[in-house]
Protein backbone atom coordinates (compact mmCIF):
# COMPACT_ATOMS: atom_id res chain seq x y z
CA UNK A 1 -60.32 -3.95 46.77
CA UNK A 2 -58.37 -6.60 49.07
CA UNK A 3 -59.82 -8.75 51.31
CA UNK A 4 -57.55 -9.20 54.07
CA UNK A 5 -56.25 -11.82 55.79
CA UNK A 6 -59.81 -13.83 56.23
CA UNK A 7 -60.54 -16.10 53.69
CA UNK A 8 -62.38 -18.18 55.29
CA UNK A 9 -65.94 -16.62 54.68
CA UNK A 10 -68.15 -19.54 54.14
CA UNK A 11 -72.39 -19.26 54.43
CA UNK A 12 -71.41 -15.11 54.99
CA UNK A 13 -74.09 -13.04 53.11
CA UNK A 14 -73.03 -10.55 50.49
CA UNK A 15 -76.20 -9.88 48.85
CA UNK A 16 -76.19 -6.66 47.00
CA UNK A 17 -72.42 -5.57 48.06
CA UNK A 18 -69.63 -4.03 45.83
CA UNK A 19 -66.76 -6.30 45.33
CA UNK A 20 -65.24 -4.82 42.01
CA UNK A 21 -62.10 -5.69 41.57
CA UNK A 22 -61.69 -7.58 45.10
CA UNK A 23 -59.55 -10.35 45.30
CA UNK A 24 -60.56 -13.65 46.77
CA UNK A 25 -58.41 -15.86 45.49
CA UNK A 26 -58.31 -19.35 46.65
CA UNK A 27 -60.81 -18.06 49.39
CA UNK A 28 -63.41 -20.55 50.72
CA UNK A 29 -66.84 -18.65 50.22
CA UNK A 30 -68.75 -22.19 50.31
CA UNK A 31 -72.32 -21.63 51.05
CA UNK A 32 -71.77 -17.52 50.59
CA UNK A 33 -74.87 -15.29 49.66
CA UNK A 34 -73.47 -12.83 46.31
CA UNK A 35 -77.33 -12.83 44.74
CA UNK A 36 -77.00 -9.68 42.99
CA UNK A 37 -73.44 -8.11 44.14
CA UNK A 38 -71.10 -6.84 41.88
CA UNK A 39 -68.09 -8.71 41.45
CA UNK A 40 -67.03 -7.42 37.95
CA UNK A 41 -62.96 -7.56 37.46
CA UNK A 42 -62.59 -9.71 40.71
CA UNK A 43 -59.91 -12.24 40.84
CA UNK A 44 -61.90 -15.10 42.17
CA UNK A 45 -59.05 -17.76 41.38
CA UNK A 46 -58.89 -21.65 42.77
CA UNK A 47 -61.69 -19.85 45.11
CA UNK A 48 -63.76 -22.71 46.97
CA UNK A 49 -67.50 -21.41 45.38
CA UNK A 50 -69.61 -24.65 46.14
CA UNK A 51 -72.91 -23.99 46.03
CA UNK A 52 -72.77 -20.45 45.99
CA UNK A 53 -75.66 -18.24 45.05
CA UNK A 54 -74.33 -15.56 42.72
CA UNK A 55 -77.68 -15.38 41.01
CA UNK A 56 -77.83 -12.22 39.04
CA UNK A 57 -74.42 -11.41 40.22
CA UNK A 58 -71.60 -9.19 38.09
CA UNK A 59 -69.15 -11.09 37.49
CA UNK A 60 -68.08 -9.43 34.06
CA UNK A 61 -64.58 -9.81 33.54
CA UNK A 62 -64.34 -11.70 36.41
CA UNK A 63 -61.21 -14.43 37.26
CA UNK A 64 -62.55 -17.79 38.30
CA UNK A 65 -59.60 -20.06 36.37
CA UNK A 66 -59.87 -23.14 38.42
CA UNK A 67 -62.64 -22.35 40.71
CA UNK A 68 -64.80 -25.18 42.07
CA UNK A 69 -68.74 -23.92 41.78
CA UNK A 70 -70.19 -27.70 42.07
CA UNK A 71 -73.69 -27.13 42.04
CA UNK A 72 -73.53 -23.02 42.34
CA UNK A 73 -76.46 -21.02 41.41
CA UNK A 74 -75.59 -18.48 39.00
CA UNK A 75 -78.65 -17.97 37.38
CA UNK A 76 -78.67 -14.64 35.26
CA UNK A 77 -75.37 -13.79 36.48
CA UNK A 78 -73.57 -11.72 34.40
CA UNK A 79 -70.10 -13.24 33.10
CA UNK A 80 -69.53 -11.24 29.71
CA UNK A 81 -65.61 -12.24 29.06
CA UNK A 82 -64.92 -14.18 32.61
CA UNK A 83 -62.04 -16.57 33.09
CA UNK A 84 -63.76 -19.77 33.86
CA UNK A 85 -60.48 -21.95 32.36
CA UNK A 86 -60.33 -25.17 34.06
CA UNK A 87 -63.30 -24.52 36.76
CA UNK A 88 -65.54 -26.45 37.72
CA UNK A 89 -69.43 -25.89 37.43
CA UNK A 90 -70.24 -29.67 37.45
CA UNK A 91 -74.29 -29.29 38.36
CA UNK A 92 -74.50 -25.44 38.83
CA UNK A 93 -77.36 -23.66 38.00
CA UNK A 94 -77.02 -21.49 34.78
CA UNK A 95 -80.47 -20.75 33.66
CA UNK A 96 -80.12 -17.45 31.53
CA UNK A 97 -76.84 -16.76 32.70
CA UNK A 98 -74.52 -14.61 30.33
CA UNK A 99 -71.15 -15.97 28.90
CA UNK A 100 -70.64 -14.21 25.79
CA UNK A 101 -66.95 -14.44 25.11
CA UNK A 102 -66.19 -15.90 27.75
CA UNK A 103 -63.02 -18.46 28.83
CA UNK A 104 -64.26 -21.91 29.17
CA UNK A 105 -61.49 -24.03 28.00
CA UNK A 106 -61.14 -27.44 29.75
CA UNK A 107 -64.15 -26.78 31.96
CA UNK A 108 -66.11 -29.52 33.94
CA UNK A 109 -69.68 -28.65 33.10
CA UNK A 110 -71.22 -32.28 33.35
CA UNK A 111 -75.15 -31.83 34.11
CA UNK A 112 -75.08 -28.12 34.62
CA UNK A 113 -78.37 -26.54 33.46
CA UNK A 114 -77.48 -23.84 30.69
CA UNK A 115 -80.93 -23.68 29.55
CA UNK A 116 -81.84 -20.21 28.19
CA UNK A 117 -77.49 -19.20 28.95
CA UNK A 118 -76.10 -16.83 26.37
CA UNK A 119 -72.99 -18.31 25.15
CA UNK A 120 -71.91 -16.09 21.74
CA UNK A 121 -68.50 -16.19 21.05
CA UNK A 122 -67.53 -18.60 23.84
CA UNK A 123 -64.42 -20.86 24.32
CA UNK A 124 -65.88 -24.27 25.32
CA UNK A 125 -62.60 -25.76 23.89
CA UNK A 126 -62.38 -29.47 25.44
CA UNK A 127 -65.00 -28.91 28.05
CA UNK A 128 -66.99 -31.51 29.47
CA UNK A 129 -71.13 -30.66 28.58
CA UNK A 130 -71.68 -34.57 29.72
CA UNK A 131 -75.63 -34.50 30.10
CA UNK A 132 -75.79 -30.78 30.34
CA UNK A 133 -78.36 -28.99 29.43
CA UNK A 134 -78.39 -26.66 26.91
CA UNK A 135 -82.12 -26.19 25.61
CA UNK A 136 -82.35 -22.96 23.87
CA UNK A 137 -79.57 -21.82 24.85
CA UNK A 138 -77.62 -19.14 22.37
CA UNK A 139 -74.01 -20.77 21.10
CA UNK A 140 -73.52 -18.41 18.10
CA UNK A 141 -70.12 -18.47 16.71
CA UNK A 142 -69.02 -19.97 19.80
CA UNK A 143 -65.94 -22.42 19.72
CA UNK A 144 -66.59 -26.09 20.88
CA UNK A 145 -63.67 -28.16 19.06
CA UNK A 146 -63.27 -31.05 21.36
CA UNK A 147 -65.76 -31.16 23.55
CA UNK A 148 -68.06 -33.63 25.51
CA UNK A 149 -71.34 -33.49 24.32
CA UNK A 150 -72.53 -37.12 25.38
CA UNK A 151 -76.63 -37.31 26.43
CA UNK A 152 -76.23 -32.96 26.17
CA UNK A 153 -79.51 -31.96 25.54
CA UNK A 154 -79.35 -29.31 22.83
CA UNK A 155 -83.14 -28.81 21.87
CA UNK A 156 -83.83 -26.00 20.42
CA UNK A 157 -79.74 -24.44 21.15
CA UNK A 158 -78.76 -22.00 18.53
CA UNK A 159 -75.15 -23.25 16.92
CA UNK A 160 -75.24 -20.37 14.06
CA UNK A 161 -71.44 -19.83 12.52
CA UNK A 162 -70.01 -22.13 15.84
CA UNK A 163 -67.27 -24.35 15.89
CA UNK A 164 -68.20 -27.83 16.35
CA UNK A 165 -65.60 -30.00 14.97
CA UNK A 166 -63.88 -32.92 16.48
CA UNK A 167 -66.64 -33.20 19.54
CA UNK A 168 -66.77 -35.95 21.33
CA UNK A 169 -70.51 -37.54 21.81
CA UNK A 170 -71.93 -35.70 19.65
CA UNK A 171 -75.36 -37.19 17.13
CA UNK A 172 -77.30 -36.73 14.64
CA UNK A 173 -80.03 -37.23 16.80
CA UNK A 174 -78.87 -34.22 19.20
CA UNK A 175 -78.75 -32.33 16.22
CA UNK A 176 -81.91 -32.82 14.22
CA UNK A 177 -83.18 -31.13 17.41
CA UNK A 178 -81.19 -27.88 17.59
CA UNK A 179 -82.48 -24.25 16.39
CA UNK A 180 -79.52 -23.52 13.60
CA UNK A 181 -76.19 -24.79 11.89
CA UNK A 182 -76.37 -21.86 9.73
CA UNK A 183 -72.65 -21.56 8.38
CA UNK A 184 -71.85 -23.67 11.54
CA UNK A 185 -68.66 -25.62 11.31
CA UNK A 186 -68.96 -29.80 11.72
CA UNK A 187 -67.07 -32.56 11.16
CA UNK A 188 -68.23 -34.43 6.94
CA UNK A 189 -69.49 -37.64 9.05
CA UNK A 190 -72.50 -35.34 10.80
CA UNK A 191 -72.75 -32.48 7.91
CA UNK A 192 -73.42 -34.42 4.78
CA UNK A 193 -76.33 -36.73 6.42
CA UNK A 194 -77.53 -34.06 8.32
CA UNK A 195 -77.68 -31.57 4.92
CA UNK A 196 -79.50 -34.42 3.45
CA UNK A 197 -81.99 -35.04 6.64
CA UNK A 198 -82.10 -31.37 7.95
CA UNK A 199 -81.31 -29.52 5.23
CA UNK A 200 -84.00 -26.15 7.21
CA UNK A 201 -81.22 -26.64 9.48
CA UNK A 202 -78.78 -24.84 7.71
CA UNK A 203 -80.79 -22.38 6.21
CA UNK A 204 -80.25 -18.60 7.15
CA UNK A 205 -82.59 -16.12 8.69
CA UNK A 206 -85.24 -14.86 6.53
């Protein structure tokens, strides 16, 4: 579906609407309500999605490259395989959202709340997660090479088989609070002391 001409949809309400494959490229959707809407495969590249409500929306495979999602609500949203490369997702509400296999390379996630989010096999290379909340998030087999985790809350997060190399701001204290580092790839300066002090983190499931 192509959205004709009218690209300024600030504050509009589309709760539960079907916009599968719709074209919202560069549209202004600031403050709009798309709660539980179907946006599967939609094109939202470089769209203004500041403070948008996408709670429980289906954005599977959607293109959000370079989109502005500052303070957006994406709680429990479905973003499996979505393209969020270079997206601005600062201070967004992402609790319980599903980002499995999503592309978040270079994304800005400072202060975002990703509590309980599913980031299994997500691509987070070069993303900025400063002061973000990843408590109890699932990052199994996720690629975090070159990410910034300064002040990030990792309590109870699952990093099994995750790629955690050349991370900025990552400390032993942060990693000591995670759920699992089984088969995770880490720089030696973190791996060696962690295995000495917290060997249980590297044990496989029972």
